[in-house]
Amino acid sequence: MPNCSFCGNLYLMGEGKTFVQKSGKILRFCSAKCEKNMLKLNRKARHTKWTKHYVKGE
């Protein structure tokens, strides 16, 4: 089971979306919400409260 590259949640294979950057880095997303926050809005998971990577006080 892969982890979402943005929020860190586990999701089943066959669900979600895989995005390959030009550099060859593979990003896996569990939802369109995570994909949009990372790629389109350029948000950091450490500053987004609903992610597992959130660090209070940063």
N, C-alpha and C. Protein backbone atom coordinates (compact mmCIF):
# COMPACT_ATOMS: atom_id res chain seq x y z
N MET A 1 0.84 -1.18 0.00
CA MET A 1 0.00 0.00 0.00
C MET A 1 0.89 1.24 0.00
N PRO A 2 0.74 2.08 -1.00
CA PRO A 2 1.57 3.29 -1.08
C PRO A 2 1.08 4.39 -0.15
N ASN A 3 1.97 5.30 0.18
CA ASN A 3 1.64 6.49 0.96
C ASN A 3 1.41 7.65 0.01
N CYS A 4 0.51 8.53 0.38
CA CYS A 4 0.29 9.76 -0.38
C CYS A 4 1.52 10.66 -0.19
N SER A 5 2.01 11.25 -1.26
CA SER A 5 3.19 12.11 -1.19
C SER A 5 2.93 13.40 -0.44
N PHE A 6 1.66 13.82 -0.34
CA PHE A 6 1.35 15.08 0.34
C PHE A 6 0.91 14.86 1.79
N CYS A 7 -0.16 14.10 1.99
CA CYS A 7 -0.72 13.98 3.34
C CYS A 7 -0.15 12.81 4.14
N GLY A 8 0.43 11.82 3.48
CA GLY A 8 1.03 10.69 4.18
C GLY A 8 0.09 9.55 4.49
N ASN A 9 -1.17 9.65 4.08
CA ASN A 9 -2.14 8.57 4.32
C ASN A 9 -1.88 7.38 3.41
N LEU A 10 -2.20 6.19 3.91
CA LEU A 10 -2.12 4.98 3.10
C LEU A 10 -3.38 4.87 2.25
N TYR A 11 -3.24 4.35 1.05
CA TYR A 11 -4.40 4.07 0.20
C TYR A 11 -4.12 2.82 -0.61
N LEU A 12 -5.16 2.19 -1.12
CA LEU A 12 -5.04 0.93 -1.84
C LEU A 12 -4.46 1.14 -3.23
N MET A 13 -3.71 0.13 -3.70
CA MET A 13 -3.21 0.16 -5.07
C MET A 13 -4.40 0.17 -6.02
N GLY A 14 -4.31 0.92 -7.08
CA GLY A 14 -5.41 1.03 -8.03
C GLY A 14 -6.28 2.23 -7.76
N GLU A 15 -6.15 2.82 -6.58
CA GLU A 15 -6.86 4.05 -6.25
C GLU A 15 -5.87 5.20 -6.31
N GLY A 16 -6.36 6.40 -6.31
CA GLY A 16 -5.48 7.56 -6.32
C GLY A 16 -4.87 7.81 -7.69
N LYS A 17 -3.84 8.65 -7.71
CA LYS A 17 -3.22 9.05 -8.96
C LYS A 17 -1.71 9.09 -8.80
N THR A 18 -0.99 8.66 -9.83
CA THR A 18 0.47 8.71 -9.84
C THR A 18 0.92 9.76 -10.84
N PHE A 19 1.80 10.65 -10.40
CA PHE A 19 2.30 11.74 -11.24
C PHE A 19 3.81 11.59 -11.33
N VAL A 20 4.36 11.59 -12.55
CA VAL A 20 5.80 11.49 -12.75
C VAL A 20 6.32 12.83 -13.24
N GLN A 21 7.25 13.41 -12.48
CA GLN A 21 7.82 14.70 -12.85
C GLN A 21 8.85 14.52 -13.96
N LYS A 22 9.26 15.61 -14.59
CA LYS A 22 10.25 15.56 -15.66
C LYS A 22 11.58 15.00 -15.18
N SER A 23 11.88 15.20 -13.91
CA SER A 23 13.13 14.70 -13.34
C SER A 23 13.09 13.20 -13.09
N GLY A 24 11.91 12.60 -13.19
CA GLY A 24 11.76 11.17 -12.96
C GLY A 24 11.23 10.83 -11.58
N LYS A 25 11.06 11.83 -10.72
CA LYS A 25 10.53 11.61 -9.38
C LYS A 25 9.05 11.24 -9.47
N ILE A 26 8.65 10.21 -8.71
CA ILE A 26 7.27 9.74 -8.74
C ILE A 26 6.52 10.28 -7.52
N LEU A 27 5.40 10.95 -7.77
CA LEU A 27 4.54 11.46 -6.71
C LEU A 27 3.23 10.69 -6.74
N ARG A 28 2.79 10.20 -5.58
CA ARG A 28 1.54 9.46 -5.50
C ARG A 28 0.57 10.24 -4.63
N PHE A 29 -0.67 10.38 -5.12
CA PHE A 29 -1.69 11.14 -4.40
C PHE A 29 -2.92 10.28 -4.15
N CYS A 30 -3.49 10.41 -2.94
CA CYS A 30 -4.68 9.64 -2.59
C CYS A 30 -5.95 10.32 -3.07
N SER A 31 -5.89 11.64 -3.29
CA SER A 31 -7.09 12.38 -3.69
C SER A 31 -6.71 13.60 -4.53
N ALA A 32 -7.71 14.17 -5.18
CA ALA A 32 -7.50 15.38 -5.96
C ALA A 32 -7.14 16.55 -5.05
N LYS A 33 -7.62 16.51 -3.81
CA LYS A 33 -7.32 17.55 -2.83
C LYS A 33 -5.82 17.62 -2.57
N CYS A 34 -5.19 16.48 -2.38
CA CYS A 34 -3.74 16.44 -2.13
C CYS A 34 -2.96 16.86 -3.37
N GLU A 35 -3.38 16.39 -4.52
CA GLU A 35 -2.71 16.73 -5.77
C GLU A 35 -2.75 18.24 -6.02
N LYS A 36 -3.91 18.84 -5.84
CA LYS A 36 -4.07 20.27 -6.09
C LYS A 36 -3.24 21.09 -5.10
N ASN A 37 -3.25 20.70 -3.82
CA ASN A 37 -2.49 21.44 -2.81
C ASN A 37 -1.00 21.41 -3.08
N MET A 38 -0.48 20.29 -3.56
CA MET A 38 0.96 20.18 -3.78
C MET A 38 1.39 20.78 -5.12
N LEU A 39 0.72 20.42 -6.20
CA LEU A 39 1.18 20.81 -7.52
C LEU A 39 0.69 22.18 -7.97
N LYS A 40 -0.57 22.47 -7.74
CA LYS A 40 -1.15 23.72 -8.26
C LYS A 40 -0.98 24.88 -7.28
N LEU A 41 -1.21 24.62 -5.99
CA LEU A 41 -1.17 25.69 -4.99
C LEU A 41 0.19 25.81 -4.30
N ASN A 42 1.10 24.86 -4.59
CA ASN A 42 2.46 24.86 -4.04
C ASN A 42 2.50 24.97 -2.52
N ARG A 43 1.61 24.25 -1.84
CA ARG A 43 1.59 24.25 -0.38
C ARG A 43 2.53 23.18 0.16
N LYS A 44 3.05 23.43 1.34
CA LYS A 44 3.93 22.48 2.02
C LYS A 44 3.10 21.67 3.01
N ALA A 45 3.31 20.36 3.03
CA ALA A 45 2.55 19.48 3.93
C ALA A 45 2.84 19.80 5.40
N ARG A 46 4.02 20.28 5.70
CA ARG A 46 4.38 20.60 7.09
C ARG A 46 3.58 21.77 7.64
N HIS A 47 3.02 22.60 6.76
CA HIS A 47 2.26 23.78 7.19
C HIS A 47 0.75 23.59 7.03
N THR A 48 0.30 22.42 6.59
CA THR A 48 -1.11 22.15 6.35
C THR A 48 -1.63 21.25 7.47
N LYS A 49 -2.61 21.75 8.26
CA LYS A 49 -3.02 21.09 9.49
C LYS A 49 -3.58 19.68 9.31
N TRP A 50 -4.24 19.39 8.22
CA TRP A 50 -4.91 18.09 8.07
C TRP A 50 -3.99 16.98 7.58
N THR A 51 -2.71 17.24 7.38
CA THR A 51 -1.78 16.20 6.93
C THR A 51 -1.07 15.55 8.12
N LYS A 52 -0.50 14.37 7.89
CA LYS A 52 0.26 13.69 8.94
C LYS A 52 1.64 14.32 9.12
N HIS A 53 2.09 15.10 8.16
CA HIS A 53 3.41 15.73 8.22
C HIS A 53 3.38 17.08 8.93
N TYR A 54 2.20 17.50 9.40
CA TYR A 54 2.04 18.81 10.03
C TYR A 54 2.88 18.91 11.30
N VAL A 55 3.58 20.03 11.46
CA VAL A 55 4.37 20.30 12.66
C VAL A 55 3.84 21.58 13.27
N LYS A 56 3.33 21.48 14.50
CA LYS A 56 2.75 22.65 15.17
C LYS A 56 3.85 23.66 15.50
N GLY A 57 3.57 24.92 15.24
CA GLY A 57 4.51 25.97 15.58
C GLY A 57 5.40 26.41 14.44
N GLU A 58 5.27 25.80 13.27
CA GLU A 58 6.10 26.24 12.13
C GLU A 58 5.31 27.13 11.22
